[in-house]
Every structure is written in structure tokens, then in C-alpha cells.
Amino acid sequence: MKEYHHLGIPTSEKRTNEKYLEKYKMYISGYDESEFGVEWMRFEKESPLPELVKSIPHVAFKVDDLNAELEGKEILIEPNSPSKGVRVAFIIENGAPVEFIEFDD
């Protein structure tokens, strides 16, 4: 089952309350304050993430089984764990990045 989680929007502007994700050389902000899960993403020049993620907004869905959701999909970012209890992966859907998030309950 897929459940909407957030909308990630790349930006070059510094925003208030940014959190730095060193592994990805990026800043995120806005999600905690947004009623609709809007998350801003600002990338350092050295960010290892694909250009598609750094330049095109993405929609993210919470999923029950990340591996099952990835079957037969064009994977953009392989499954990884950005924080404890969380696994994510990105696919390409109709030319746009889509993120799947699995939480360890």
C-alpha cells in the first residue's frame, strides 16, 4: 500500500530551520512545519545525488514493503537508510523521480 508522505522541492535559497544531511551534502527544511508535507531541499555542489533529484520535484510515498514496490521499476537511487529505522529508494516514473519510504515500526 502506498500512502502520500511528502513533496520534495529542490531550491537554491537558504531557508529557516534547515537540517543538514552530511551523507548527501544537502539541507532539508519545511516538512515539520507543513500541513501538506512540503519539504525544501538545497544541495551543495558536491552532493552525490542524481541530477534528476537535485533539479526536479519528487513525490514521496510511505510503503509497507520497499523491496516489493521496487520490483520491475527503473531504480534511480538504490535502497538505503538515511536514518535509523528508515529505508528509502527512488525510482523514475514517467521521467520524474518518485521516492518510496519504509519505516521500521
N, C-alpha and C. Protein backbone atom coordinates (compact mmCIF):
# COMPACT_ATOMS: atom_id res chain seq x y z
N MET A 1 0.84 -1.19 0.00
CA MET A 1 0.00 0.00 0.00
C MET A 1 0.87 1.23 0.00
N LYS A 2 0.54 2.22 -0.83
CA LYS A 2 1.27 3.49 -0.88
C LYS A 2 0.43 4.57 -0.21
N GLU A 3 1.06 5.34 0.63
CA GLU A 3 0.40 6.45 1.32
C GLU A 3 1.25 7.70 1.12
N TYR A 4 0.64 8.80 0.68
CA TYR A 4 1.38 10.04 0.47
C TYR A 4 2.14 10.40 1.74
N HIS A 5 3.42 10.83 1.56
CA HIS A 5 4.24 11.24 2.70
C HIS A 5 4.69 12.69 2.57
N HIS A 6 5.31 13.05 1.43
CA HIS A 6 5.74 14.44 1.26
C HIS A 6 6.01 14.76 -0.21
N LEU A 7 6.18 16.05 -0.45
CA LEU A 7 6.59 16.57 -1.74
C LEU A 7 7.93 17.25 -1.54
N GLY A 8 8.97 16.77 -2.21
CA GLY A 8 10.30 17.37 -2.10
C GLY A 8 10.56 18.31 -3.25
N ILE A 9 10.94 19.55 -2.92
CA ILE A 9 11.15 20.57 -3.94
C ILE A 9 12.58 21.11 -3.85
N PRO A 10 13.38 20.93 -4.92
CA PRO A 10 14.73 21.49 -4.92
C PRO A 10 14.69 23.02 -4.90
N THR A 11 15.65 23.61 -4.20
CA THR A 11 15.76 25.06 -4.14
C THR A 11 17.23 25.44 -4.00
N SER A 12 17.57 26.64 -4.39
CA SER A 12 18.93 27.15 -4.17
C SER A 12 18.93 28.18 -3.05
N GLU A 13 17.76 28.50 -2.52
CA GLU A 13 17.64 29.51 -1.46
C GLU A 13 17.80 28.89 -0.08
N LYS A 14 18.57 29.58 0.79
CA LYS A 14 18.66 29.16 2.18
C LYS A 14 17.31 29.43 2.84
N ARG A 15 16.87 28.48 3.67
CA ARG A 15 15.58 28.60 4.35
C ARG A 15 15.80 28.45 5.85
N THR A 16 14.83 28.92 6.62
CA THR A 16 14.94 28.81 8.07
C THR A 16 14.82 27.35 8.51
N ASN A 17 15.44 27.04 9.62
CA ASN A 17 15.39 25.70 10.25
C ASN A 17 15.86 24.57 9.35
N GLU A 18 16.86 24.83 8.53
CA GLU A 18 17.40 23.78 7.68
C GLU A 18 18.13 22.73 8.54
N LYS A 19 17.98 21.47 8.13
CA LYS A 19 18.73 20.37 8.74
C LYS A 19 19.71 19.87 7.70
N TYR A 20 20.96 19.65 8.12
CA TYR A 20 22.00 19.21 7.19
C TYR A 20 22.12 17.70 7.21
N LEU A 21 22.12 17.10 6.04
CA LEU A 21 22.33 15.66 5.88
C LEU A 21 23.70 15.47 5.23
N GLU A 22 24.70 15.24 6.07
CA GLU A 22 26.09 15.19 5.60
C GLU A 22 26.32 14.13 4.53
N LYS A 23 25.71 12.96 4.71
CA LYS A 23 25.89 11.86 3.76
C LYS A 23 25.52 12.27 2.33
N TYR A 24 24.51 13.12 2.22
CA TYR A 24 24.01 13.54 0.91
C TYR A 24 24.43 14.96 0.54
N LYS A 25 25.13 15.62 1.44
CA LYS A 25 25.58 17.00 1.22
C LYS A 25 24.41 17.88 0.78
N MET A 26 23.36 17.85 1.63
CA MET A 26 22.16 18.61 1.32
C MET A 26 21.50 19.11 2.61
N TYR A 27 20.64 20.10 2.44
CA TYR A 27 19.86 20.65 3.54
C TYR A 27 18.38 20.39 3.25
N ILE A 28 17.62 20.06 4.29
CA ILE A 28 16.19 19.91 4.14
C ILE A 28 15.48 20.82 5.13
N SER A 29 14.31 21.28 4.77
CA SER A 29 13.55 22.15 5.67
C SER A 29 12.08 22.15 5.26
N GLY A 30 11.24 22.60 6.19
CA GLY A 30 9.84 22.82 5.89
C GLY A 30 8.90 21.69 6.22
N TYR A 31 9.36 20.45 6.14
CA TYR A 31 8.45 19.31 6.32
C TYR A 31 7.73 19.36 7.67
N ASP A 32 8.47 19.59 8.73
CA ASP A 32 7.88 19.59 10.09
C ASP A 32 6.83 20.68 10.28
N GLU A 33 6.94 21.76 9.53
CA GLU A 33 6.01 22.88 9.68
C GLU A 33 4.89 22.86 8.66
N SER A 34 4.94 21.93 7.71
CA SER A 34 3.99 21.94 6.60
C SER A 34 2.81 21.01 6.83
N GLU A 35 1.64 21.55 6.72
CA GLU A 35 0.42 20.75 6.85
C GLU A 35 0.33 19.68 5.76
N PHE A 36 0.93 19.95 4.61
CA PHE A 36 0.81 19.05 3.47
C PHE A 36 2.11 18.34 3.11
N GLY A 37 3.10 18.39 4.01
CA GLY A 37 4.34 17.67 3.79
C GLY A 37 5.23 18.25 2.71
N VAL A 38 5.26 19.57 2.59
CA VAL A 38 6.16 20.20 1.62
C VAL A 38 7.54 20.28 2.25
N GLU A 39 8.52 19.71 1.56
CA GLU A 39 9.91 19.69 2.04
C GLU A 39 10.80 20.36 1.01
N TRP A 40 11.59 21.32 1.45
CA TRP A 40 12.53 22.01 0.58
C TRP A 40 13.89 21.33 0.70
N MET A 41 14.59 21.21 -0.43
CA MET A 41 15.89 20.54 -0.46
C MET A 41 16.89 21.46 -1.17
N ARG A 42 17.97 21.77 -0.43
CA ARG A 42 19.04 22.61 -1.00
C ARG A 42 20.32 21.77 -1.01
N PHE A 43 20.95 21.68 -2.16
CA PHE A 43 22.09 20.79 -2.35
C PHE A 43 23.40 21.56 -2.45
N GLU A 44 24.45 20.99 -1.84
CA GLU A 44 25.79 21.50 -2.05
C GLU A 44 26.26 21.04 -3.43
N LYS A 45 27.22 21.73 -3.97
CA LYS A 45 27.75 21.40 -5.29
C LYS A 45 28.26 19.96 -5.35
N GLU A 46 28.80 19.46 -4.25
CA GLU A 46 29.39 18.13 -4.19
C GLU A 46 28.38 17.03 -3.86
N SER A 47 27.11 17.33 -3.81
CA SER A 47 26.10 16.32 -3.47
C SER A 47 26.19 15.14 -4.44
N PRO A 48 26.23 13.91 -3.90
CA PRO A 48 26.34 12.74 -4.76
C PRO A 48 25.02 12.28 -5.38
N LEU A 49 23.93 12.96 -5.06
CA LEU A 49 22.62 12.52 -5.54
C LEU A 49 22.46 12.80 -7.04
N PRO A 50 21.64 12.02 -7.72
CA PRO A 50 21.43 12.21 -9.17
C PRO A 50 20.86 13.60 -9.48
N GLU A 51 21.23 14.10 -10.64
CA GLU A 51 20.78 15.42 -11.08
C GLU A 51 19.25 15.49 -11.13
N LEU A 52 18.59 14.41 -11.48
CA LEU A 52 17.13 14.39 -11.54
C LEU A 52 16.52 14.75 -10.18
N VAL A 53 17.08 14.23 -9.10
CA VAL A 53 16.58 14.53 -7.75
C VAL A 53 16.92 15.96 -7.36
N LYS A 54 18.07 16.46 -7.82
CA LYS A 54 18.50 17.81 -7.46
C LYS A 54 17.80 18.90 -8.26
N SER A 55 17.12 18.51 -9.34
CA SER A 55 16.54 19.54 -10.20
C SER A 55 15.03 19.43 -10.41
N ILE A 56 14.43 18.28 -10.14
CA ILE A 56 13.00 18.07 -10.38
C ILE A 56 12.31 17.73 -9.06
N PRO A 57 11.18 18.35 -8.74
CA PRO A 57 10.45 17.97 -7.52
C PRO A 57 10.07 16.49 -7.55
N HIS A 58 9.97 15.90 -6.37
CA HIS A 58 9.56 14.50 -6.28
C HIS A 58 8.44 14.34 -5.27
N VAL A 59 7.62 13.33 -5.50
CA VAL A 59 6.59 12.97 -4.54
C VAL A 59 7.11 11.72 -3.82
N ALA A 60 6.81 11.63 -2.51
CA ALA A 60 7.26 10.50 -1.71
C ALA A 60 6.07 9.78 -1.10
N PHE A 61 6.15 8.45 -1.12
CA PHE A 61 5.09 7.62 -0.58
C PHE A 61 5.64 6.71 0.51
N LYS A 62 4.90 6.59 1.60
CA LYS A 62 5.21 5.61 2.63
C LYS A 62 4.71 4.27 2.10
N VAL A 63 5.56 3.23 2.19
CA VAL A 63 5.19 1.91 1.71
C VAL A 63 5.44 0.87 2.81
N ASP A 64 4.69 -0.22 2.74
CA ASP A 64 4.84 -1.30 3.72
C ASP A 64 6.03 -2.20 3.40
N ASP A 65 6.31 -2.40 2.11
CA ASP A 65 7.37 -3.32 1.68
C ASP A 65 8.15 -2.67 0.54
N LEU A 66 9.27 -2.05 0.89
CA LEU A 66 10.07 -1.32 -0.10
C LEU A 66 10.53 -2.23 -1.23
N ASN A 67 11.02 -3.40 -0.90
CA ASN A 67 11.52 -4.30 -1.94
C ASN A 67 10.42 -4.69 -2.93
N ALA A 68 9.23 -4.95 -2.44
CA ALA A 68 8.12 -5.31 -3.32
C ALA A 68 7.75 -4.15 -4.25
N GLU A 69 7.76 -2.94 -3.72
CA GLU A 69 7.40 -1.76 -4.54
C GLU A 69 8.42 -1.50 -5.65
N LEU A 70 9.66 -1.93 -5.45
CA LEU A 70 10.72 -1.68 -6.44
C LEU A 70 10.73 -2.69 -7.58
N GLU A 71 10.05 -3.81 -7.41
CA GLU A 71 10.06 -4.85 -8.43
C GLU A 71 9.55 -4.31 -9.77
N GLY A 72 10.38 -4.49 -10.79
CA GLY A 72 10.00 -4.08 -12.14
C GLY A 72 10.10 -2.60 -12.41
N LYS A 73 10.59 -1.82 -11.45
CA LYS A 73 10.68 -0.36 -11.61
C LYS A 73 12.10 0.05 -12.04
N GLU A 74 12.21 1.22 -12.65
CA GLU A 74 13.51 1.78 -13.00
C GLU A 74 14.07 2.49 -11.76
N ILE A 75 15.06 1.90 -11.14
CA ILE A 75 15.60 2.42 -9.89
C ILE A 75 16.60 3.54 -10.16
N LEU A 76 16.37 4.67 -9.52
CA LEU A 76 17.25 5.83 -9.63
C LEU A 76 18.25 5.85 -8.48
N ILE A 77 17.78 5.61 -7.26
CA ILE A 77 18.64 5.53 -6.07
C ILE A 77 18.31 4.21 -5.38
N GLU A 78 19.30 3.39 -5.22
CA GLU A 78 19.13 2.08 -4.59
C GLU A 78 18.65 2.23 -3.14
N PRO A 79 18.01 1.22 -2.60
CA PRO A 79 17.57 1.28 -1.20
C PRO A 79 18.73 1.61 -0.26
N ASN A 80 18.47 2.51 0.67
CA ASN A 80 19.48 2.91 1.64
C ASN A 80 18.78 3.39 2.90
N SER A 81 19.55 3.62 3.94
CA SER A 81 18.98 4.04 5.22
C SER A 81 19.55 5.40 5.62
N PRO A 82 18.78 6.47 5.39
CA PRO A 82 19.26 7.81 5.74
C PRO A 82 19.25 8.07 7.25
N SER A 83 18.45 7.30 7.98
CA SER A 83 18.41 7.42 9.44
C SER A 83 17.89 6.10 10.02
N LYS A 84 18.10 5.93 11.31
CA LYS A 84 17.73 4.68 11.97
C LYS A 84 16.23 4.40 11.79
N GLY A 85 15.92 3.17 11.39
CA GLY A 85 14.53 2.76 11.26
C GLY A 85 13.84 3.21 9.99
N VAL A 86 14.62 3.77 9.03
CA VAL A 86 14.05 4.27 7.79
C VAL A 86 14.84 3.72 6.61
N ARG A 87 14.14 3.20 5.61
CA ARG A 87 14.75 2.80 4.35
C ARG A 87 14.05 3.55 3.23
N VAL A 88 14.83 4.04 2.28
CA VAL A 88 14.27 4.78 1.15
C VAL A 88 14.91 4.31 -0.15
N ALA A 89 14.22 4.58 -1.23
CA ALA A 89 14.73 4.35 -2.58
C ALA A 89 13.97 5.28 -3.51
N PHE A 90 14.59 5.61 -4.63
CA PHE A 90 13.94 6.44 -5.64
C PHE A 90 13.82 5.64 -6.93
N ILE A 91 12.71 5.85 -7.62
CA ILE A 91 12.53 5.28 -8.95
C ILE A 91 12.29 6.43 -9.93
N ILE A 92 12.30 6.11 -11.20
CA ILE A 92 11.90 7.09 -12.23
C ILE A 92 10.54 6.65 -12.75
N GLU A 93 9.58 7.53 -12.66
CA GLU A 93 8.22 7.27 -13.13
C GLU A 93 7.83 8.36 -14.11
N ASN A 94 7.66 7.99 -15.37
CA ASN A 94 7.26 8.95 -16.40
C ASN A 94 8.21 10.15 -16.44
N GLY A 95 9.51 9.89 -16.26
CA GLY A 95 10.53 10.93 -16.35
C GLY A 95 10.77 11.71 -15.08
N ALA A 96 10.03 11.41 -14.02
CA ALA A 96 10.15 12.16 -12.75
C ALA A 96 10.61 11.23 -11.63
N PRO A 97 11.33 11.79 -10.65
CA PRO A 97 11.73 10.98 -9.50
C PRO A 97 10.56 10.76 -8.54
N VAL A 98 10.46 9.54 -8.03
CA VAL A 98 9.46 9.19 -7.02
C VAL A 98 10.20 8.47 -5.91
N GLU A 99 9.92 8.84 -4.67
CA GLU A 99 10.58 8.24 -3.51
C GLU A 99 9.62 7.31 -2.79
N PHE A 100 10.14 6.15 -2.38
CA PHE A 100 9.41 5.23 -1.52
C PHE A 100 10.13 5.21 -0.17
N ILE A 101 9.36 5.26 0.91
CA ILE A 101 9.91 5.28 2.27
C ILE A 101 9.28 4.13 3.06
N GLU A 102 10.12 3.34 3.70
CA GLU A 102 9.66 2.25 4.54
C GLU A 102 10.14 2.53 5.97
N PHE A 103 9.22 2.55 6.92
CA PHE A 103 9.56 2.79 8.31
C PHE A 103 9.55 1.48 9.07
N ASP A 104 10.53 1.30 9.93
CA ASP A 104 10.60 0.12 10.78
C ASP A 104 9.74 0.40 12.00
N ASP A 105 8.56 -0.21 12.05
CA ASP A 105 7.65 0.01 13.16
C ASP A 105 8.16 -0.73 14.34
